Protein backbone atom coordinates (compact mmCIF):
# COMPACT_ATOMS: atom_id res chain seq x y z
CA MET A 1 0.00 0.00 0.00
CA THR A 2 1.27 3.45 -0.89
CA PRO A 3 1.75 5.82 2.05
CA PRO A 4 -0.53 8.83 1.50
CA ARG A 5 2.25 11.44 1.64
CA ALA A 6 4.86 9.58 -0.43
CA GLU A 7 4.09 11.43 -3.65
CA GLU A 8 4.44 14.77 -1.87
CA LEU A 9 7.83 13.75 -0.47
CA LEU A 10 8.98 12.65 -3.93
CA SER A 11 7.85 15.97 -5.40
CA TYR A 12 9.67 17.83 -2.64
CA MET A 13 12.88 15.88 -3.24
CA THR A 14 12.62 16.45 -7.00
CA GLY A 15 12.41 20.17 -6.31
CA LEU A 16 15.79 20.09 -4.55
CA GLY A 17 17.70 19.12 -7.68
CA PRO A 18 17.50 17.46 -11.07
CA VAL A 19 16.58 13.80 -11.43
CA GLY A 20 19.73 11.70 -11.30
CA GLN A 21 21.74 14.19 -9.25
CA PRO A 22 22.45 13.79 -5.52
CA VAL A 23 20.45 16.05 -3.20
CA THR A 24 20.74 16.60 0.53
CA VAL A 25 17.47 16.30 2.42
CA ASN A 26 17.18 17.65 5.94
CA ARG A 27 14.41 15.59 7.52
CA ASP A 28 13.18 18.31 9.89
CA VAL A 29 13.05 20.95 7.15
CA ALA A 30 11.33 18.57 4.71
CA MET A 31 8.74 17.58 7.31
CA ALA A 32 7.99 21.22 8.10
CA ASP A 33 7.86 22.26 4.43
CA ILE A 34 5.36 19.62 3.38
CA GLY A 35 3.50 19.37 6.68
CA ILE A 36 4.34 15.85 7.78
CA GLY A 37 3.59 15.74 11.48
CA ASN A 38 5.87 12.95 12.68
CA ALA A 39 9.09 11.16 11.78
CA ASN A 40 7.37 7.78 11.50
CA THR A 41 5.25 9.00 8.58
CA TYR A 42 8.31 10.57 6.94
CA TYR A 43 10.33 7.36 7.16
CA GLU A 44 7.39 5.25 6.00
CA CYS A 45 7.17 7.39 2.87
CA LEU A 46 10.92 7.34 2.35
CA ARG A 47 11.10 3.54 2.69
CA TYR A 48 8.33 3.20 0.12
CA LEU A 49 10.10 5.52 -2.34
CA ILE A 50 13.33 3.56 -1.96
CA ALA A 51 11.63 0.16 -2.27
CA GLU A 52 9.76 1.25 -5.42
CA GLN A 53 12.99 2.69 -6.88
CA PHE A 54 11.85 6.28 -7.05
CA VAL A 55 14.78 7.28 -4.81
CA ARG A 56 18.19 5.81 -3.99
CA ARG A 57 19.81 6.46 -0.63
CA ILE A 58 23.46 7.43 -0.93
CA GLY A 59 23.98 8.04 2.79
CA GLY A 60 23.82 10.68 5.48
CA GLY A 61 20.67 12.41 4.25
CA ILE A 62 21.86 12.35 0.63
CA TYR A 63 19.57 10.81 -1.97
CA THR A 64 19.28 10.56 -5.72
CA VAL A 65 15.83 10.88 -7.25
CA LEU A 66 15.54 8.24 -9.97
CA ARG A 67 12.04 8.90 -11.29
CA ARG A 68 9.82 11.96 -11.59
CA PRO A 69 6.56 12.39 -9.67
CA GLU A 70 4.64 12.05 -12.95
CA GLU A 71 5.62 8.36 -12.95
CA PHE A 72 4.05 7.85 -9.53
CA ALA A 73 1.06 5.56 -9.81
């Protein structure tokens, strides 16, 4: 099942830099910017995006967006 805020998080991450380029995501700032109320929801969305290969974790808050939000289904 798709977490309800996953598409918003993907869109946010895409806005930080071009697809295929590493971006640094500060969890607290991202949560505040898109209105996610708790870290559990944030990490649930992030795990989904990684598992579905929308995002790749590089490490230490650095991610690469692999697919655009338009491909989210």
